[in-house]
Each structure stands twice: as C-alpha cells, then as structure tokens.
Amino acid sequence: MRGVHHIAIICSDYDRSRHFYVEVLGLGVLHEAYRAERQSWKCDLDAGNARIELFSFPTPPPRPSRPEACGLRHLAFATEDIEADIGRLTSLGIAVDELRTDPFTGRRFTFFADPDGLPLELYEHSEGA
C-alpha cells in the first residue's frame, strides 16, 4: 500500500455538507458531478495527501457515529495553527470540544462534527507525525 487515496462520506443534505467541507473547512473541489441514474451527487475534495468523496443519496439510513462506536472512529485533519482553526470554527457557530494533549506525542487535538454528526478531529501537525 502507498497511502490513503480517499475517504467516502455519504451526507443527508448535499448542499449543506458541500458548504461545510468547501467553505468552512476550505477543501478544494477537484471534480463534481450529478449522477441522474442514482439521484446522487459526487464531489471529489482535495484534502491534502488524500481525497474526500462526498456523496448524496436519496434517504440514506442513519449510522451510529460516536467516536467510540465500532467501525471508523473519526476523520482527523492536520492543522498548523490549531487555536486559529478552533477560533474560526467557533466563530461560525460550530461546537468544538475542549483542547486536549496526546500523551504519546505531546500534540494538541480536539473534536468537532460535520453537519451529519460525523466525528472530525483537528490534530496539531508536525513533520512525520
């Protein structure tokens, strides 16, 4: 394996989630298409060293998404300035958990959620970590 190529996210409201990932988080749109036969949008987003594929489908079933639920725990974004990113998110009305420190790396991190409650993390970036 050479790394992560993409992470696929199915959202309940495409316009709301697209706005969140593009305008709020600042991910660039690589490609976007409406697939009429599936009544589905697909948007490829630039997340640095990987892509996020944002999908919409009519009436997707809910999924448990607490960080401790079985399955994918959360999606973490590296940040150069965690305090500035927390400030920007909270200024936009997005609830952000208390800032914590990873006892193994000494890096700070926090959690927040996307419009569908998917757990997301901000993690202080360092070279090689």
Foldseek 3Di string as FASTA:
>chain_A
DPDEAEAEDEDADVVQQVCCVCVLVNWAWPDWDQDVVQRKIWTWTCQDPYIYIYMYGPPDDDDDADLPDPDHNAAEHEDQDVVVSVVSCVVVVWDKDDWDADPVPRWIKIWTAGPSRHIYMYIYDDPPD
